[in-house]
Amino acid sequence: KEWKPDITQAFTLETLSVDSQTIMLRGIARKHELSYIDIEVLYNRFHYVDKDVSGTIEEQEFRILLMQIFGARDRWDIPAQRLTFFWRQVDHDNSGKVDFEEFVIWFKRYARDIDLKHMPRMKP
């Protein structure tokens, strides 16, 4: 019997040494029908405002993130009522926290038309 190599597992993400964060982001992009590049930009912005590195953001961090995404120069550029409305939409379970996937769902519903490639750079 001739030996044939099993190539069914030769090109999995794990075999190719793709890190777990990339695998997670690709899964979210596929699940929510967004480009990987947009998901990566959103994740970097989300992670940037997640100061306690908890993997979730609270209302104040969410407001900062929205200001970045919408290109607001200061807090007066977006009406407080709108920020409160958006927070209630994203934190639909009233937990006081939003994880990245919850944010992606919100983004897809309320901010999908924003061109993420033209957002201002993040400050270090």
N, C-alpha and C. Protein backbone atom coordinates (compact mmCIF):
# COMPACT_ATOMS: atom_id res chain seq x y z
N LYS A 1 0.85 -1.18 0.00
CA LYS A 1 0.00 0.00 0.00
C LYS A 1 0.89 1.24 0.00
N GLU A 2 0.61 2.14 -0.90
CA GLU A 2 1.42 3.35 -1.04
C GLU A 2 1.01 4.39 0.01
N TRP A 3 2.02 5.01 0.62
CA TRP A 3 1.77 6.07 1.63
C TRP A 3 1.41 7.37 0.94
N LYS A 4 0.34 7.98 1.41
CA LYS A 4 -0.08 9.28 0.89
C LYS A 4 -0.16 10.24 2.07
N PRO A 5 0.45 11.39 1.93
CA PRO A 5 0.41 12.35 3.05
C PRO A 5 -1.01 12.90 3.25
N ASP A 6 -1.35 13.13 4.49
CA ASP A 6 -2.65 13.73 4.82
C ASP A 6 -2.49 15.24 4.80
N ILE A 7 -2.98 15.87 3.78
CA ILE A 7 -2.83 17.32 3.67
C ILE A 7 -4.08 18.08 4.14
N THR A 8 -5.05 17.37 4.68
CA THR A 8 -6.28 18.03 5.10
C THR A 8 -6.04 19.02 6.24
N GLN A 9 -4.99 18.81 7.02
CA GLN A 9 -4.69 19.71 8.13
C GLN A 9 -3.44 20.56 7.88
N ALA A 10 -2.93 20.52 6.67
CA ALA A 10 -1.66 21.19 6.37
C ALA A 10 -1.74 22.71 6.41
N PHE A 11 -2.90 23.27 6.14
CA PHE A 11 -2.99 24.71 6.03
C PHE A 11 -4.04 25.31 6.96
N THR A 12 -4.25 24.71 8.12
CA THR A 12 -5.15 25.31 9.10
C THR A 12 -4.45 26.51 9.72
N LEU A 13 -5.23 27.40 10.31
CA LEU A 13 -4.63 28.58 10.92
C LEU A 13 -3.66 28.20 12.04
N GLU A 14 -3.99 27.15 12.78
CA GLU A 14 -3.12 26.70 13.86
C GLU A 14 -1.80 26.17 13.30
N THR A 15 -1.88 25.38 12.24
CA THR A 15 -0.69 24.82 11.62
C THR A 15 0.20 25.93 11.07
N LEU A 16 -0.41 26.97 10.57
CA LEU A 16 0.34 28.10 10.01
C LEU A 16 0.83 29.06 11.09
N SER A 17 0.59 28.73 12.33
CA SER A 17 1.03 29.53 13.49
C SER A 17 0.40 30.92 13.52
N VAL A 18 -0.87 31.01 13.17
CA VAL A 18 -1.60 32.27 13.26
C VAL A 18 -2.02 32.43 14.73
N ASP A 19 -1.77 33.61 15.30
CA ASP A 19 -2.05 33.80 16.72
C ASP A 19 -3.55 33.79 17.01
N SER A 20 -3.88 33.53 18.27
CA SER A 20 -5.28 33.37 18.68
C SER A 20 -6.10 34.65 18.48
N GLN A 21 -5.48 35.81 18.63
CA GLN A 21 -6.20 37.07 18.42
C GLN A 21 -6.63 37.20 16.97
N THR A 22 -5.75 36.88 16.05
CA THR A 22 -6.08 36.95 14.62
C THR A 22 -7.19 35.96 14.28
N ILE A 23 -7.11 34.77 14.84
CA ILE A 23 -8.16 33.77 14.61
C ILE A 23 -9.50 34.29 15.11
N MET A 24 -9.50 34.88 16.32
CA MET A 24 -10.72 35.43 16.90
C MET A 24 -11.28 36.56 16.03
N LEU A 25 -10.42 37.47 15.60
CA LEU A 25 -10.87 38.61 14.78
C LEU A 25 -11.40 38.14 13.42
N ARG A 26 -10.75 37.16 12.84
CA ARG A 26 -11.23 36.63 11.55
C ARG A 26 -12.60 35.97 11.71
N GLY A 27 -12.78 35.28 12.84
CA GLY A 27 -14.08 34.66 13.11
C GLY A 27 -15.18 35.69 13.26
N ILE A 28 -14.89 36.77 13.97
CA ILE A 28 -15.87 37.85 14.15
C ILE A 28 -16.17 38.51 12.81
N ALA A 29 -15.14 38.76 12.01
CA ALA A 29 -15.33 39.38 10.69
C ALA A 29 -16.24 38.51 9.83
N ARG A 30 -15.97 37.23 9.82
CA ARG A 30 -16.78 36.30 9.01
C ARG A 30 -18.22 36.25 9.54
N LYS A 31 -18.37 36.13 10.85
CA LYS A 31 -19.69 36.02 11.46
C LYS A 31 -20.56 37.24 11.19
N HIS A 32 -19.95 38.42 11.21
CA HIS A 32 -20.72 39.67 11.06
C HIS A 32 -20.59 40.28 9.67
N GLU A 33 -19.99 39.55 8.75
CA GLU A 33 -19.88 39.97 7.36
C GLU A 33 -19.24 41.34 7.21
N LEU A 34 -18.13 41.53 7.91
CA LEU A 34 -17.32 42.74 7.80
C LEU A 34 -15.93 42.33 7.33
N SER A 35 -15.21 43.26 6.75
CA SER A 35 -13.87 42.91 6.30
C SER A 35 -12.94 42.74 7.50
N TYR A 36 -11.94 41.89 7.32
CA TYR A 36 -10.98 41.67 8.40
C TYR A 36 -10.27 42.99 8.73
N ILE A 37 -9.98 43.79 7.73
CA ILE A 37 -9.28 45.06 7.96
C ILE A 37 -10.13 45.98 8.83
N ASP A 38 -11.43 46.08 8.55
CA ASP A 38 -12.31 46.91 9.38
C ASP A 38 -12.38 46.38 10.81
N ILE A 39 -12.48 45.07 10.95
CA ILE A 39 -12.53 44.46 12.29
C ILE A 39 -11.24 44.76 13.04
N GLU A 40 -10.11 44.67 12.36
CA GLU A 40 -8.82 44.94 12.99
C GLU A 40 -8.73 46.40 13.44
N VAL A 41 -9.19 47.33 12.60
CA VAL A 41 -9.20 48.75 12.97
C VAL A 41 -10.10 48.96 14.19
N LEU A 42 -11.29 48.41 14.16
CA LEU A 42 -12.21 48.54 15.30
C LEU A 42 -11.61 47.94 16.57
N TYR A 43 -10.99 46.77 16.43
CA TYR A 43 -10.40 46.12 17.60
C TYR A 43 -9.28 46.97 18.20
N ASN A 44 -8.44 47.53 17.34
CA ASN A 44 -7.35 48.38 17.83
C ASN A 44 -7.89 49.61 18.55
N ARG A 45 -8.95 50.22 18.01
CA ARG A 45 -9.58 51.37 18.68
C ARG A 45 -10.20 50.95 20.00
N PHE A 46 -10.89 49.82 19.99
CA PHE A 46 -11.55 49.30 21.19
C PHE A 46 -10.50 49.02 22.27
N HIS A 47 -9.45 48.34 21.88
CA HIS A 47 -8.38 47.98 22.81
C HIS A 47 -7.69 49.24 23.36
N TYR A 48 -7.54 50.25 22.52
CA TYR A 48 -6.89 51.51 22.92
C TYR A 48 -7.65 52.21 24.06
N VAL A 49 -8.98 52.19 24.00
CA VAL A 49 -9.76 52.87 25.06
C VAL A 49 -10.02 51.97 26.26
N ASP A 50 -9.74 50.69 26.13
CA ASP A 50 -9.92 49.74 27.24
C ASP A 50 -8.71 49.85 28.18
N LYS A 51 -8.68 50.93 28.95
CA LYS A 51 -7.51 51.26 29.76
C LYS A 51 -7.17 50.20 30.81
N ASP A 52 -8.18 49.52 31.36
CA ASP A 52 -7.90 48.51 32.39
C ASP A 52 -7.66 47.13 31.77
N VAL A 53 -7.63 47.06 30.44
CA VAL A 53 -7.36 45.83 29.69
C VAL A 53 -8.23 44.66 30.17
N SER A 54 -9.50 44.97 30.40
CA SER A 54 -10.45 43.97 30.88
C SER A 54 -11.09 43.19 29.73
N GLY A 55 -10.95 43.71 28.51
CA GLY A 55 -11.62 43.10 27.38
C GLY A 55 -13.02 43.64 27.18
N THR A 56 -13.43 44.53 28.09
CA THR A 56 -14.72 45.20 27.97
C THR A 56 -14.50 46.69 28.17
N ILE A 57 -15.45 47.48 27.68
CA ILE A 57 -15.39 48.93 27.93
C ILE A 57 -16.65 49.35 28.65
N GLU A 58 -16.51 50.38 29.44
CA GLU A 58 -17.64 50.95 30.16
C GLU A 58 -18.09 52.21 29.43
N GLU A 59 -19.13 52.84 29.94
CA GLU A 59 -19.75 53.95 29.22
C GLU A 59 -18.78 55.07 28.87
N GLN A 60 -17.95 55.48 29.80
CA GLN A 60 -17.02 56.58 29.51
C GLN A 60 -16.03 56.19 28.41
N GLU A 61 -15.54 54.96 28.46
CA GLU A 61 -14.63 54.49 27.41
C GLU A 61 -15.36 54.40 26.06
N PHE A 62 -16.61 53.98 26.09
CA PHE A 62 -17.42 53.91 24.88
C PHE A 62 -17.58 55.30 24.26
N ARG A 63 -17.84 56.29 25.10
CA ARG A 63 -17.99 57.66 24.60
C ARG A 63 -16.70 58.14 23.91
N ILE A 64 -15.57 57.82 24.51
CA ILE A 64 -14.29 58.20 23.91
C ILE A 64 -14.11 57.50 22.57
N LEU A 65 -14.46 56.23 22.52
CA LEU A 65 -14.36 55.46 21.28
C LEU A 65 -15.26 56.05 20.20
N LEU A 66 -16.48 56.42 20.56
CA LEU A 66 -17.38 57.03 19.58
C LEU A 66 -16.83 58.34 19.05
N MET A 67 -16.28 59.13 19.94
CA MET A 67 -15.70 60.40 19.49
C MET A 67 -14.59 60.16 18.47
N GLN A 68 -13.78 59.13 18.69
CA GLN A 68 -12.72 58.79 17.73
C GLN A 68 -13.32 58.34 16.41
N ILE A 69 -14.28 57.45 16.48
CA ILE A 69 -14.86 56.88 15.26
C ILE A 69 -15.58 57.94 14.43
N PHE A 70 -16.32 58.81 15.11
CA PHE A 70 -17.07 59.85 14.39
C PHE A 70 -16.23 61.08 14.09
N GLY A 71 -14.96 61.08 14.50
CA GLY A 71 -14.06 62.20 14.21
C GLY A 71 -14.38 63.46 14.99
N ALA A 72 -14.97 63.32 16.17
CA ALA A 72 -15.29 64.48 17.00
C ALA A 72 -14.02 65.07 17.59
N ARG A 73 -13.93 66.39 17.58
CA ARG A 73 -12.75 67.05 18.14
C ARG A 73 -12.87 67.25 19.64
N ASP A 74 -14.09 67.45 20.12
CA ASP A 74 -14.31 67.55 21.57
C ASP A 74 -15.69 67.00 21.90
N ARG A 75 -16.00 66.94 23.19
CA ARG A 75 -17.23 66.26 23.61
C ARG A 75 -18.49 66.98 23.18
N TRP A 76 -18.39 68.21 22.73
CA TRP A 76 -19.57 68.97 22.31
C TRP A 76 -19.96 68.67 20.86
N ASP A 77 -19.11 67.97 20.13
CA ASP A 77 -19.40 67.65 18.73
C ASP A 77 -20.51 66.61 18.57
N ILE A 78 -20.70 65.77 19.58
CA ILE A 78 -21.76 64.76 19.54
C ILE A 78 -22.70 65.04 20.71
N PRO A 79 -23.97 65.29 20.45
CA PRO A 79 -24.91 65.59 21.54
C PRO A 79 -24.92 64.49 22.62
N ALA A 80 -24.97 64.91 23.86
CA ALA A 80 -24.96 63.97 24.99
C ALA A 80 -26.12 62.98 24.90
N GLN A 81 -27.27 63.45 24.43
CA GLN A 81 -28.43 62.56 24.31
C GLN A 81 -28.15 61.43 23.32
N ARG A 82 -27.44 61.76 22.24
CA ARG A 82 -27.12 60.74 21.25
C ARG A 82 -26.14 59.72 21.83
N LEU A 83 -25.15 60.20 22.57
CA LEU A 83 -24.19 59.29 23.21
C LEU A 83 -24.90 58.36 24.19
N THR A 84 -25.84 58.92 24.95
CA THR A 84 -26.61 58.11 25.90
C THR A 84 -27.46 57.10 25.16
N PHE A 85 -28.10 57.52 24.08
CA PHE A 85 -28.90 56.60 23.26
C PHE A 85 -28.04 55.46 22.74
N PHE A 86 -26.87 55.79 22.18
CA PHE A 86 -25.99 54.76 21.64
C PHE A 86 -25.52 53.81 22.75
N TRP A 87 -25.23 54.35 23.93
CA TRP A 87 -24.81 53.48 25.03
C TRP A 87 -25.93 52.49 25.38
N ARG A 88 -27.15 52.97 25.44
CA ARG A 88 -28.28 52.08 25.77
C ARG A 88 -28.46 51.01 24.70
N GLN A 89 -28.16 51.35 23.46
CA GLN A 89 -28.29 50.37 22.38
C GLN A 89 -27.19 49.31 22.45
N VAL A 90 -25.97 49.74 22.72
CA VAL A 90 -24.85 48.79 22.75
C VAL A 90 -24.87 47.95 24.02
N ASP A 91 -25.28 48.54 25.15
CA ASP A 91 -25.34 47.82 26.44
C ASP A 91 -26.77 47.36 26.68
N HIS A 92 -27.27 46.58 25.75
CA HIS A 92 -28.69 46.17 25.80
C HIS A 92 -29.02 45.29 27.00
N ASP A 93 -28.02 44.66 27.61
CA ASP A 93 -28.30 43.82 28.78
C ASP A 93 -28.10 44.59 30.10
N ASN A 94 -27.79 45.87 30.01
CA ASN A 94 -27.59 46.75 31.17
C ASN A 94 -26.53 46.24 32.14
N SER A 95 -25.49 45.62 31.62
CA SER A 95 -24.42 45.10 32.46
C SER A 95 -23.43 46.19 32.86
N GLY A 96 -23.46 47.32 32.14
CA GLY A 96 -22.50 48.39 32.40
C GLY A 96 -21.19 48.18 31.69
N LYS A 97 -21.11 47.10 30.91
CA LYS A 97 -19.89 46.77 30.17
C LYS A 97 -20.27 46.25 28.79
N VAL A 98 -19.36 46.45 27.84
CA VAL A 98 -19.58 45.99 26.47
C VAL A 98 -18.31 45.29 26.02
N ASP A 99 -18.46 44.06 25.51
CA ASP A 99 -17.28 43.40 24.97
C ASP A 99 -17.14 43.75 23.49
N PHE A 100 -16.06 43.30 22.88
CA PHE A 100 -15.78 43.71 21.51
C PHE A 100 -16.86 43.26 20.54
N GLU A 101 -17.34 42.04 20.68
CA GLU A 101 -18.35 41.57 19.73
C GLU A 101 -19.66 42.35 19.86
N GLU A 102 -20.04 42.71 21.08
CA GLU A 102 -21.23 43.56 21.27
C GLU A 102 -21.03 44.89 20.56
N PHE A 103 -19.81 45.43 20.65
CA PHE A 103 -19.51 46.69 19.99
C PHE A 103 -19.61 46.53 18.47
N VAL A 104 -19.11 45.43 17.94
CA VAL A 104 -19.18 45.19 16.49
C VAL A 104 -20.63 45.15 16.02
N ILE A 105 -21.48 44.49 16.78
CA ILE A 105 -22.91 44.43 16.43
C ILE A 105 -23.50 45.83 16.41
N TRP A 106 -23.16 46.64 17.42
CA TRP A 106 -23.63 48.03 17.46
C TRP A 106 -23.09 48.79 16.25
N PHE A 107 -21.81 48.66 15.99
CA PHE A 107 -21.17 49.39 14.89
C PHE A 107 -21.85 49.05 13.56
N LYS A 108 -22.11 47.79 13.35
CA LYS A 108 -22.73 47.36 12.09
C LYS A 108 -24.11 47.99 11.93
N ARG A 109 -24.81 48.17 13.04
CA ARG A 109 -26.16 48.73 12.97
C ARG A 109 -26.17 50.26 12.84
N TYR A 110 -25.29 50.94 13.57
CA TYR A 110 -25.37 52.40 13.67
C TYR A 110 -24.26 53.17 12.97
N ALA A 111 -23.17 52.53 12.63
CA ALA A 111 -22.04 53.31 12.11
C ALA A 111 -21.38 52.64 10.91
N ARG A 112 -22.05 51.74 10.28
CA ARG A 112 -21.47 50.96 9.18
C ARG A 112 -20.98 51.84 8.03
N ASP A 113 -21.59 53.01 7.84
CA ASP A 113 -21.22 53.85 6.70
C ASP A 113 -19.94 54.65 6.94
N ILE A 114 -19.35 54.55 8.11
CA ILE A 114 -18.11 55.27 8.40
C ILE A 114 -16.95 54.58 7.70
N ASP A 115 -16.14 55.37 7.01
CA ASP A 115 -14.97 54.82 6.33
C ASP A 115 -13.82 54.78 7.34
N LEU A 116 -13.54 53.62 7.85
CA LEU A 116 -12.54 53.48 8.90
C LEU A 116 -11.13 53.79 8.42
N LYS A 117 -10.92 53.71 7.13
CA LYS A 117 -9.57 53.99 6.59
C LYS A 117 -9.21 55.47 6.71
N HIS A 118 -10.20 56.33 6.87
CA HIS A 118 -9.93 57.76 6.93
C HIS A 118 -10.10 58.35 8.33
N MET A 119 -10.10 57.49 9.34
CA MET A 119 -10.19 57.99 10.70
C MET A 119 -8.85 58.59 11.11
N PRO A 120 -8.89 59.60 11.98
CA PRO A 120 -7.63 60.18 12.45
C PRO A 120 -6.82 59.12 13.20
N ARG A 121 -5.51 59.28 13.16
CA ARG A 121 -4.61 58.34 13.87
C ARG A 121 -4.82 58.45 15.37
N MET A 122 -4.57 57.35 16.06
CA MET A 122 -4.66 57.34 17.52
C MET A 122 -3.42 58.00 18.10
N LYS A 123 -3.63 58.68 19.20
CA LYS A 123 -2.50 59.27 19.90
C LYS A 123 -1.84 58.20 20.76
N PRO A 124 -0.51 58.14 20.76
CA PRO A 124 0.17 57.11 21.56
C PRO A 124 -0.01 57.31 23.05
